[in-house]
């Protein structure tokens, strides 16, 4: 996974400013130097999707910092801290994942054929299905994170980081070879089928190992085990995203950028809910 892939992953998945990644394309003509642009190729796009969980780790750590500061030094309380942390994750991703979730809900909820559903998803407005889905998902995220934070033992920050990583890990799996793009252009066409299954499996094993290590370290150092719901949450979040991905591919013929955003939100939300379960510390 080359560094261009990491830069592209940061550029696609966050608001963090990074140098452009990809190959330099210089059009012919007297003003070719001025017209030079940077266009990512599919190999770089595949590397970017393989790096996505690492970007999720960065986003999750930032969100966890917001959660901790708001809950303890600021004294805002678990509910307000959870809302601020969820908002920070949305801001860090430019709100694109939530936008994709709303668009996919509108497209699939329309009950129209694939071409018509894709056209609905391209519109800039949000329909009733998208609005209801957004409200419910955000409520569930805040409620689950608030409960995890109130439980103590570091469960809130751990759940948030696990959710952010799993959300991006779902993108890695959605872009594996064998999953087609629904359109000939756009983000879906760029990244669809670019990740080897072996790479996706390796990244998943690293993620699960990190989740298990967090459980062990928490028990050893703090005496407040996070519980084995953390690795279970990762697996459950991925399974939920996979189910939605299969349905989207069956209905739309493949993935799009909106589908990827929706998968991230589904995986992250389910991970948060499962990670919040268990006895209080």
C-alpha atoms as a PDB file:
ATOM      1  CA  UNK A   1       0.000   0.000   0.000  1.00  0.00           C
ATOM      2  CA  UNK A   2       1.856   3.047  -1.270  1.00  0.00           C
ATOM      3  CA  UNK A   3       1.874   6.431   0.429  1.00  0.00           C
ATOM      4  CA  UNK A   4      -0.091   7.923  -2.465  1.00  0.00           C
ATOM      5  CA  UNK A   5      -2.899   5.625  -1.384  1.00  0.00           C
ATOM      6  CA  UNK A   6      -2.814   6.971   2.157  1.00  0.00           C
ATOM      7  CA  UNK A   7      -2.874  10.562   0.908  1.00  0.00           C
ATOM      8  CA  UNK A   8      -5.798   9.808  -1.381  1.00  0.00           C
ATOM      9  CA  UNK A   9      -7.617   8.041   1.449  1.00  0.00           C
ATOM     10  CA  UNK A  10      -7.222  11.094   3.677  1.00  0.00           C
ATOM     11  CA  UNK A  11      -8.396  13.361   0.851  1.00  0.00           C
ATOM     12  CA  UNK A  12     -11.465  11.243   0.067  1.00  0.00           C
ATOM     13  CA  UNK A  13     -12.541  10.397   3.601  1.00  0.00           C
ATOM     14  CA  UNK A  14     -11.672  13.491   5.653  1.00  0.00           C
ATOM     15  CA  UNK A  15     -11.482  17.271   5.539  1.00  0.00           C
ATOM     16  CA  UNK A  16      -7.756  17.101   6.324  1.00  0.00           C
ATOM     17  CA  UNK A  17      -5.828  18.998   3.618  1.00  0.00           C
ATOM     18  CA  UNK A  18      -3.252  16.758   1.932  1.00  0.00           C
ATOM     19  CA  UNK A  19      -1.150  17.046  -1.241  1.00  0.00           C
ATOM     20  CA  UNK A  20      -2.890  15.540  -4.282  1.00  0.00           C
ATOM     21  CA  UNK A  21      -2.228  11.854  -4.891  1.00  0.00           C
ATOM     22  CA  UNK A  22      -2.126  10.115  -8.243  1.00  0.00           C
ATOM     23  CA  UNK A  23      -0.400  10.377 -11.578  1.00  0.00           C
ATOM     24  CA  UNK A  24       0.337  13.675 -13.257  1.00  0.00           C
ATOM     25  CA  UNK A  25      -1.689  14.159 -16.423  1.00  0.00           C
ATOM     26  CA  UNK A  26      -0.410  16.831 -18.827  1.00  0.00           C
ATOM     27  CA  UNK A  27      -2.682  17.638 -21.764  1.00  0.00           C
ATOM     28  CA  UNK A  28      -1.006  18.459 -25.055  1.00  0.00           C
ATOM     29  CA  UNK A  29      -0.773  22.056 -26.232  1.00  0.00           C
ATOM     30  CA  UNK A  30       1.082  25.295 -25.536  1.00  0.00           C
ATOM     31  CA  UNK A  31      -0.521  25.695 -22.084  1.00  0.00           C
ATOM     32  CA  UNK A  32       0.038  22.065 -21.077  1.00  0.00           C
ATOM     33  CA  UNK A  33       2.083  22.971 -17.995  1.00  0.00           C
ATOM     34  CA  UNK A  34      -0.689  25.215 -16.684  1.00  0.00           C
ATOM     35  CA  UNK A  35      -3.326  22.587 -17.387  1.00  0.00           C
ATOM     36  CA  UNK A  36      -1.532  19.755 -15.600  1.00  0.00           C
ATOM     37  CA  UNK A  37      -3.775  17.984 -13.130  1.00  0.00           C
ATOM     38  CA  UNK A  38      -3.419  15.084 -10.772  1.00  0.00           C
ATOM     39  CA  UNK A  39      -5.715  12.148 -11.448  1.00  0.00           C
ATOM     40  CA  UNK A  40      -5.718   9.046  -9.236  1.00  0.00           C
ATOM     41  CA  UNK A  41      -5.543   5.735 -11.077  1.00  0.00           C
ATOM     42  CA  UNK A  42      -7.331   2.579  -9.960  1.00  0.00           C
ATOM     43  CA  UNK A  43      -4.229   1.137  -8.329  1.00  0.00           C
ATOM     44  CA  UNK A  44      -3.917   4.221  -6.126  1.00  0.00           C
ATOM     45  CA  UNK A  45      -7.662   4.122  -5.463  1.00  0.00           C
ATOM     46  CA  UNK A  46      -7.370   0.509  -4.322  1.00  0.00           C
ATOM     47  CA  UNK A  47      -4.527   1.412  -1.984  1.00  0.00           C
ATOM     48  CA  UNK A  48      -6.648   4.273  -0.635  1.00  0.00           C
ATOM     49  CA  UNK A  49      -9.479   1.905   0.218  1.00  0.00           C
ATOM     50  CA  UNK A  50      -7.043  -0.488   1.895  1.00  0.00           C
ATOM     51  CA  UNK A  51      -5.768   2.437   4.001  1.00  0.00           C
ATOM     52  CA  UNK A  52      -9.333   3.478   4.921  1.00  0.00           C
ATOM     53  CA  UNK A  53      -9.384   1.759   8.365  1.00  0.00           C
ATOM     54  CA  UNK A  54      -6.186   3.600   9.330  1.00  0.00           C
ATOM     55  CA  UNK A  55      -7.898   6.861   8.427  1.00  0.00           C
ATOM     56  CA  UNK A  56     -10.832   5.691  10.526  1.00  0.00           C
ATOM     57  CA  UNK A  57      -8.464   5.224  13.457  1.00  0.00           C
ATOM     58  CA  UNK A  58      -7.313   8.836  13.131  1.00  0.00           C
ATOM     59  CA  UNK A  59     -10.890  10.108  12.904  1.00  0.00           C
ATOM     60  CA  UNK A  60     -11.938   7.937  15.833  1.00  0.00           C
ATOM     61  CA  UNK A  61      -9.118   9.173  18.057  1.00  0.00           C
ATOM     62  CA  UNK A  62     -10.087  12.779  17.336  1.00  0.00           C
ATOM     63  CA  UNK A  63     -13.732  12.007  18.090  1.00  0.00           C
ATOM     64  CA  UNK A  64     -12.750  10.196  21.297  1.00  0.00           C
ATOM     65  CA  UNK A  65     -10.745  13.241  22.389  1.00  0.00           C
ATOM     66  CA  UNK A  66     -13.814  15.437  21.863  1.00  0.00           C
ATOM     67  CA  UNK A  67     -15.888  12.959  23.865  1.00  0.00           C
ATOM     68  CA  UNK A  68     -13.455  12.850  26.788  1.00  0.00           C
ATOM     69  CA  UNK A  69     -12.934  16.615  26.978  1.00  0.00           C
ATOM     70  CA  UNK A  70     -16.659  17.374  26.780  1.00  0.00           C
ATOM     71  CA  UNK A  71     -17.602  14.719  29.338  1.00  0.00           C
ATOM     72  CA  UNK A  72     -14.951  15.312  31.993  1.00  0.00           C
ATOM     73  CA  UNK A  73     -13.053  18.638  32.018  1.00  0.00           C
ATOM     74  CA  UNK A  74     -15.944  20.538  30.435  1.00  0.00           C
ATOM     75  CA  UNK A  75     -18.550  18.685  32.498  1.00  0.00           C
ATOM     76  CA  UNK A  76     -21.107  18.652  29.693  1.00  0.00           C
ATOM     77  CA  UNK A  77     -22.365  15.199  30.631  1.00  0.00           C
ATOM     78  CA  UNK A  78     -22.446  11.944  28.704  1.00  0.00           C
ATOM     79  CA  UNK A  79     -25.367  12.826  26.420  1.00  0.00           C
ATOM     80  CA  UNK A  80     -24.024  16.198  25.280  1.00  0.00           C
ATOM     81  CA  UNK A  81     -20.508  14.798  24.980  1.00  0.00           C
ATOM     82  CA  UNK A  82     -21.805  11.969  22.800  1.00  0.00           C
ATOM     83  CA  UNK A  83     -23.674  14.413  20.561  1.00  0.00           C
ATOM     84  CA  UNK A  84     -20.559  16.560  20.156  1.00  0.00           C
ATOM     85  CA  UNK A  85     -18.421  13.520  19.371  1.00  0.00           C
ATOM     86  CA  UNK A  86     -20.863  12.256  16.737  1.00  0.00           C
ATOM     87  CA  UNK A  87     -20.980  15.764  15.248  1.00  0.00           C
ATOM     88  CA  UNK A  88     -17.182  15.877  15.104  1.00  0.00           C
ATOM     89  CA  UNK A  89     -17.083  12.625  13.136  1.00  0.00           C
ATOM     90  CA  UNK A  90     -19.641  14.008  10.692  1.00  0.00           C
ATOM     91  CA  UNK A  91     -17.617  17.195  10.249  1.00  0.00           C
ATOM     92  CA  UNK A  92     -14.373  15.283   9.753  1.00  0.00           C
ATOM     93  CA  UNK A  93     -15.978  13.304   6.918  1.00  0.00           C
ATOM     94  CA  UNK A  94     -17.634  16.419   5.414  1.00  0.00           C
ATOM     95  CA  UNK A  95     -20.968  14.776   6.149  1.00  0.00           C
ATOM     96  CA  UNK A  96     -20.533  12.712   2.981  1.00  0.00           C
ATOM     97  CA  UNK A  97     -21.258   9.380   4.655  1.00  0.00           C
ATOM     98  CA  UNK A  98     -24.505  10.684   6.101  1.00  0.00           C
ATOM     99  CA  UNK A  99     -25.394  12.189   2.729  1.00  0.00           C
ATOM    100  CA  UNK A 100     -24.758   8.824   1.080  1.00  0.00           C
ATOM    101  CA  UNK A 101     -26.947   7.092   3.650  1.00  0.00           C
ATOM    102  CA  UNK A 102     -29.818   9.487   2.975  1.00  0.00           C
ATOM    103  CA  UNK A 103     -29.441   9.142  -0.794  1.00  0.00           C
ATOM    104  CA  UNK A 104     -29.370   5.345  -0.658  1.00  0.00           C
ATOM    105  CA  UNK A 105     -32.435   5.298   1.591  1.00  0.00           C
ATOM    106  CA  UNK A 106     -34.301   7.489  -0.897  1.00  0.00           C
ATOM    107  CA  UNK A 107     -33.171   5.394  -3.859  1.00  0.00           C
ATOM    108  CA  UNK A 108     -34.003   2.012  -2.371  1.00  0.00           C
ATOM    109  CA  UNK A 109     -37.111   3.305  -0.633  1.00  0.00           C
ATOM    110  CA  UNK A 110     -38.556   4.524  -3.924  1.00  0.00           C
ATOM    111  CA  UNK A 111     -39.097   0.953  -5.093  1.00  0.00           C
ATOM    112  CA  UNK A 112     -38.151   2.066  -8.619  1.00  0.00           C
ATOM    113  CA  UNK A 113     -35.983   0.128 -11.113  1.00  0.00           C
ATOM    114  CA  UNK A 114     -32.207   0.500 -10.860  1.00  0.00           C
ATOM    115  CA  UNK A 115     -31.846   3.328 -13.395  1.00  0.00           C
ATOM    116  CA  UNK A 116     -34.607   5.397 -11.795  1.00  0.00           C
ATOM    117  CA  UNK A 117     -33.325   4.696  -8.276  1.00  0.00           C
ATOM    118  CA  UNK A 118     -29.827   5.814  -9.291  1.00  0.00           C
ATOM    119  CA  UNK A 119     -31.267   9.007 -10.741  1.00  0.00           C
ATOM    120  CA  UNK A 120     -33.083   9.701  -7.464  1.00  0.00           C
ATOM    121  CA  UNK A 121     -29.806   9.198  -5.607  1.00  0.00           C
ATOM    122  CA  UNK A 122     -28.081  11.755  -7.852  1.00  0.00           C
ATOM    123  CA  UNK A 123     -30.448  14.545  -6.813  1.00  0.00           C
ATOM    124  CA  UNK A 124     -29.237  17.120  -4.321  1.00  0.00           C
ATOM    125  CA  UNK A 125     -32.430  17.114  -2.251  1.00  0.00           C
ATOM    126  CA  UNK A 126     -33.294  14.611   0.489  1.00  0.00           C
ATOM    127  CA  UNK A 127     -36.649  12.846   0.424  1.00  0.00           C
ATOM    128  CA  UNK A 128     -38.760  11.418   3.259  1.00  0.00           C
ATOM    129  CA  UNK A 129     -36.955   8.072   3.391  1.00  0.00           C
ATOM    130  CA  UNK A 130     -33.591   9.806   3.624  1.00  0.00           C
ATOM    131  CA  UNK A 131     -34.767  12.259   6.271  1.00  0.00           C
ATOM    132  CA  UNK A 132     -36.257   9.574   8.506  1.00  0.00           C
ATOM    133  CA  UNK A 133     -33.187   7.365   8.113  1.00  0.00           C
ATOM    134  CA  UNK A 134     -30.812  10.195   9.019  1.00  0.00           C
ATOM    135  CA  UNK A 135     -32.790  11.148  12.122  1.00  0.00           C
ATOM    136  CA  UNK A 136     -33.032   7.566  13.364  1.00  0.00           C
ATOM    137  CA  UNK A 137     -29.367   6.741  12.723  1.00  0.00           C
ATOM    138  CA  UNK A 138     -28.081   9.880  14.440  1.00  0.00           C
ATOM    139  CA  UNK A 139     -30.382   9.291  17.415  1.00  0.00           C
ATOM    140  CA  UNK A 140     -29.152   5.704  17.726  1.00  0.00           C
ATOM    141  CA  UNK A 141     -25.509   6.768  17.464  1.00  0.00           C
ATOM    142  CA  UNK A 142     -25.817   9.428  20.156  1.00  0.00           C
ATOM    143  CA  UNK A 143     -27.869   7.178  22.454  1.00  0.00           C
ATOM    144  CA  UNK A 144     -25.456   4.247  22.135  1.00  0.00           C
ATOM    145  CA  UNK A 145     -22.370   6.399  22.640  1.00  0.00           C
ATOM    146  CA  UNK A 146     -23.957   8.164  25.607  1.00  0.00           C
ATOM    147  CA  UNK A 147     -24.737   4.816  27.233  1.00  0.00           C
ATOM    148  CA  UNK A 148     -21.207   3.537  26.594  1.00  0.00           C
ATOM    149  CA  UNK A 149     -19.725   6.717  28.068  1.00  0.00           C
ATOM    150  CA  UNK A 150     -21.919   6.505  31.165  1.00  0.00           C
ATOM    151  CA  UNK A 151     -20.853   2.883  31.653  1.00  0.00           C
ATOM    152  CA  UNK A 152     -17.309   4.041  32.398  1.00  0.00           C
ATOM    153  CA  UNK A 153     -14.182   1.951  32.076  1.00  0.00           C
ATOM    154  CA  UNK A 154     -13.194   3.737  28.882  1.00  0.00           C
ATOM    155  CA  UNK A 155     -16.020   2.050  26.993  1.00  0.00           C
ATOM    156  CA  UNK A 156     -17.220   5.262  25.343  1.00  0.00           C
ATOM    157  CA  UNK A 157     -13.927   6.242  23.659  1.00  0.00           C
ATOM    158  CA  UNK A 158     -13.199   2.596  22.793  1.00  0.00           C
ATOM    159  CA  UNK A 159     -16.634   2.157  21.216  1.00  0.00           C
ATOM    160  CA  UNK A 160     -16.259   5.347  19.195  1.00  0.00           C
ATOM    161  CA  UNK A 161     -12.819   4.409  17.873  1.00  0.00           C
ATOM    162  CA  UNK A 162     -14.003   0.890  17.039  1.00  0.00           C
ATOM    163  CA  UNK A 163     -17.007   2.312  15.192  1.00  0.00           C
ATOM    164  CA  UNK A 164     -14.895   4.751  13.163  1.00  0.00           C
ATOM    165  CA  UNK A 165     -12.432   2.035  12.155  1.00  0.00           C
ATOM    166  CA  UNK A 166     -15.139  -0.508  11.311  1.00  0.00           C
ATOM    167  CA  UNK A 167     -17.020   2.066   9.236  1.00  0.00           C
ATOM    168  CA  UNK A 168     -13.968   2.498   7.004  1.00  0.00           C
ATOM    169  CA  UNK A 169     -13.167  -1.217   7.053  1.00  0.00           C
ATOM    170  CA  UNK A 170     -16.584  -1.755   5.489  1.00  0.00           C
ATOM    171  CA  UNK A 171     -15.376   0.385   2.569  1.00  0.00           C
ATOM    172  CA  UNK A 172     -12.331  -1.848   2.129  1.00  0.00           C
ATOM    173  CA  UNK A 173     -14.558  -4.907   1.822  1.00  0.00           C
ATOM    174  CA  UNK A 174     -17.090  -3.162  -0.429  1.00  0.00           C
ATOM    175  CA  UNK A 175     -14.300  -2.329  -2.883  1.00  0.00           C
ATOM    176  CA  UNK A 176     -12.968  -5.872  -3.110  1.00  0.00           C
ATOM    177  CA  UNK A 177     -12.654  -7.590  -6.449  1.00  0.00           C
ATOM    178  CA  UNK A 178     -15.909  -9.056  -7.710  1.00  0.00           C
ATOM    179  CA  UNK A 179     -18.096  -6.165  -6.541  1.00  0.00           C
ATOM    180  CA  UNK A 180     -19.134  -4.089  -9.595  1.00  0.00           C
ATOM    181  CA  UNK A 181     -19.826  -0.387  -9.956  1.00  0.00           C
ATOM    182  CA  UNK A 182     -23.403   0.713 -10.615  1.00  0.00           C
ATOM    183  CA  UNK A 183     -22.310   3.537 -12.917  1.00  0.00           C
ATOM    184  CA  UNK A 184     -19.520   4.005 -15.438  1.00  0.00           C
ATOM    185  CA  UNK A 185     -18.349   7.195 -13.724  1.00  0.00           C
ATOM    186  CA  UNK A 186     -17.970   8.650 -10.255  1.00  0.00           C
ATOM    187  CA  UNK A 187     -16.283   7.412  -7.104  1.00  0.00           C
ATOM    188  CA  UNK A 188     -17.891   3.982  -7.276  1.00  0.00           C
ATOM    189  CA  UNK A 189     -16.434   3.328 -10.720  1.00  0.00           C
ATOM    190  CA  UNK A 190     -13.001   4.471  -9.550  1.00  0.00           C
ATOM    191  CA  UNK A 191     -12.762   2.213  -6.492  1.00  0.00           C
ATOM    192  CA  UNK A 192     -15.022  -0.772  -7.258  1.00  0.00           C
ATOM    193  CA  UNK A 193     -13.096  -4.025  -7.513  1.00  0.00           C
ATOM    194  CA  UNK A 194      -9.731  -2.472  -6.652  1.00  0.00           C
ATOM    195  CA  UNK A 195      -8.970  -4.292  -3.370  1.00  0.00           C
ATOM    196  CA  UNK A 196      -7.736  -7.879  -3.352  1.00  0.00           C
ATOM    197  CA  UNK A 197      -9.719 -10.079  -0.930  1.00  0.00           C
ATOM    198  CA  UNK A 198      -6.460 -11.151   0.729  1.00  0.00           C
ATOM    199  CA  UNK A 199      -5.686  -7.504   1.534  1.00  0.00           C
ATOM    200  CA  UNK A 200      -9.175  -6.942   2.956  1.00  0.00           C
ATOM    201  CA  UNK A 201      -8.824 -10.084   5.081  1.00  0.00           C
ATOM    202  CA  UNK A 202      -5.397  -9.013   6.360  1.00  0.00           C
ATOM    203  CA  UNK A 203      -6.655  -5.555   7.323  1.00  0.00           C
ATOM    204  CA  UNK A 204      -9.615  -7.156   9.098  1.00  0.00           C
ATOM    205  CA  UNK A 205      -7.359  -9.478  11.103  1.00  0.00           C
ATOM    206  CA  UNK A 206      -5.234  -6.514  12.174  1.00  0.00           C
ATOM    207  CA  UNK A 207      -8.377  -4.645  13.255  1.00  0.00           C
ATOM    208  CA  UNK A 208      -9.702  -7.585  15.274  1.00  0.00           C
ATOM    209  CA  UNK A 209      -6.293  -8.133  16.871  1.00  0.00           C
ATOM    210  CA  UNK A 210      -6.186  -4.460  17.872  1.00  0.00           C
ATOM    211  CA  UNK A 211      -9.677  -4.697  19.378  1.00  0.00           C
ATOM    212  CA  UNK A 212      -8.711  -7.801  21.353  1.00  0.00           C
ATOM    213  CA  UNK A 213      -5.494  -6.129  22.506  1.00  0.00           C
ATOM    214  CA  UNK A 214      -7.476  -3.127  23.732  1.00  0.00           C
ATOM    215  CA  UNK A 215      -9.580  -5.454  25.878  1.00  0.00           C
ATOM    216  CA  UNK A 216      -6.520  -7.151  27.383  1.00  0.00           C
ATOM    217  CA  UNK A 217      -4.591  -3.921  27.983  1.00  0.00           C
ATOM    218  CA  UNK A 218      -7.612  -2.268  29.595  1.00  0.00           C
ATOM    219  CA  UNK A 219      -8.003  -5.171  32.006  1.00  0.00           C
ATOM    220  CA  UNK A 220      -4.291  -5.282  32.827  1.00  0.00           C
ATOM    221  CA  UNK A 221      -3.634  -1.570  33.288  1.00  0.00           C
ATOM    222  CA  UNK A 222      -6.905  -0.098  34.466  1.00  0.00           C
ATOM    223  CA  UNK A 223      -8.532  -3.116  36.043  1.00  0.00           C
ATOM    224  CA  UNK A 224     -11.675  -2.140  34.126  1.00  0.00           C
ATOM    225  CA  UNK A 225     -12.083  -4.579  31.229  1.00  0.00           C
ATOM    226  CA  UNK A 226     -13.912  -3.313  28.176  1.00  0.00           C
ATOM    227  CA  UNK A 227     -15.463  -6.723  27.706  1.00  0.00           C
ATOM    228  CA  UNK A 228     -15.308  -8.901  24.632  1.00  0.00           C
ATOM    229  CA  UNK A 229     -18.164  -6.986  23.052  1.00  0.00           C
ATOM    230  CA  UNK A 230     -15.544  -4.808  21.318  1.00  0.00           C
ATOM    231  CA  UNK A 231     -14.248  -7.388  18.795  1.00  0.00           C
ATOM    232  CA  UNK A 232     -17.789  -8.755  18.527  1.00  0.00           C
ATOM    233  CA  UNK A 233     -18.957  -5.248  17.646  1.00  0.00           C
ATOM    234  CA  UNK A 234     -16.454  -5.057  14.783  1.00  0.00           C
ATOM    235  CA  UNK A 235     -17.639  -8.361  13.316  1.00  0.00           C
ATOM    236  CA  UNK A 236     -21.313  -7.445  13.729  1.00  0.00           C
ATOM    237  CA  UNK A 237     -20.801  -4.041  12.135  1.00  0.00           C
ATOM    238  CA  UNK A 238     -19.080  -5.607   9.132  1.00  0.00           C
ATOM    239  CA  UNK A 239     -21.831  -8.206   8.794  1.00  0.00           C
ATOM    240  CA  UNK A 240     -24.519  -5.515   8.791  1.00  0.00           C
ATOM    241  CA  UNK A 241     -22.671  -3.513   6.143  1.00  0.00           C
ATOM    242  CA  UNK A 242     -22.227  -6.649   4.040  1.00  0.00           C
ATOM    243  CA  UNK A 243     -25.961  -7.339   4.151  1.00  0.00           C
ATOM    244  CA  UNK A 244     -26.758  -3.790   3.008  1.00  0.00           C
ATOM    245  CA  UNK A 245     -24.080  -3.984   0.312  1.00  0.00           C
ATOM    246  CA  UNK A 246     -25.527  -7.197  -1.120  1.00  0.00           C
ATOM    247  CA  UNK A 247     -29.004  -5.674  -1.201  1.00  0.00           C
ATOM    248  CA  UNK A 248     -27.714  -2.491  -2.863  1.00  0.00           C
ATOM    249  CA  UNK A 249     -25.792  -4.441  -5.505  1.00  0.00           C
ATOM    250  CA  UNK A 250     -28.836  -6.596  -6.201  1.00  0.00           C
ATOM    251  CA  UNK A 251     -31.123  -3.559  -6.554  1.00  0.00           C
ATOM    252  CA  UNK A 252     -28.758  -1.108  -8.251  1.00  0.00           C
ATOM    253  CA  UNK A 253     -26.377  -3.380 -10.106  1.00  0.00           C
ATOM    254  CA  UNK A 254     -23.306  -2.305  -8.148  1.00  0.00           C
ATOM    255  CA  UNK A 255     -21.873   0.255  -5.757  1.00  0.00           C
ATOM    256  CA  UNK A 256     -21.675   4.033  -5.979  1.00  0.00           C
ATOM    257  CA  UNK A 257     -20.128   6.691  -3.784  1.00  0.00           C
ATOM    258  CA  UNK A 258     -23.486   7.020  -2.014  1.00  0.00           C
ATOM    259  CA  UNK A 259     -23.593   3.285  -1.352  1.00  0.00           C
ATOM    260  CA  UNK A 260     -20.110   3.441   0.167  1.00  0.00           C
ATOM    261  CA  UNK A 261     -21.124   6.308   2.444  1.00  0.00           C
ATOM    262  CA  UNK A 262     -24.210   4.411   3.552  1.00  0.00           C
ATOM    263  CA  UNK A 263     -22.186   1.279   4.286  1.00  0.00           C
ATOM    264  CA  UNK A 264     -19.834   3.294   6.483  1.00  0.00           C
ATOM    265  CA  UNK A 265     -22.745   4.677   8.508  1.00  0.00           C
ATOM    266  CA  UNK A 266     -24.421   1.284   8.861  1.00  0.00           C
ATOM    267  CA  UNK A 267     -21.208  -0.406   9.992  1.00  0.00           C
ATOM    268  CA  UNK A 268     -20.341   2.393  12.402  1.00  0.00           C
ATOM    269  CA  UNK A 269     -23.806   2.566  13.936  1.00  0.00           C
ATOM    270  CA  UNK A 270     -24.126  -1.173  14.515  1.00  0.00           C
ATOM    271  CA  UNK A 271     -20.607  -1.285  15.958  1.00  0.00           C
ATOM    272  CA  UNK A 272     -21.487   1.496  18.402  1.00  0.00           C
ATOM    273  CA  UNK A 273     -24.643  -0.265  19.546  1.00  0.00           C
ATOM    274  CA  UNK A 274     -22.940  -3.619  20.153  1.00  0.00           C
ATOM    275  CA  UNK A 275     -19.863  -2.052  21.769  1.00  0.00           C
ATOM    276  CA  UNK A 276     -22.109  -0.163  24.198  1.00  0.00           C
ATOM    277  CA  UNK A 277     -23.597  -3.392  25.515  1.00  0.00           C
ATOM    278  CA  UNK A 278     -22.422  -5.112  28.671  1.00  0.00           C
ATOM    279  CA  UNK A 279     -22.329  -4.404  32.408  1.00  0.00           C
ATOM    280  CA  UNK A 280     -21.298  -1.034  33.738  1.00  0.00           C
ATOM    281  CA  UNK A 281     -17.804  -0.674  35.146  1.00  0.00           C
END
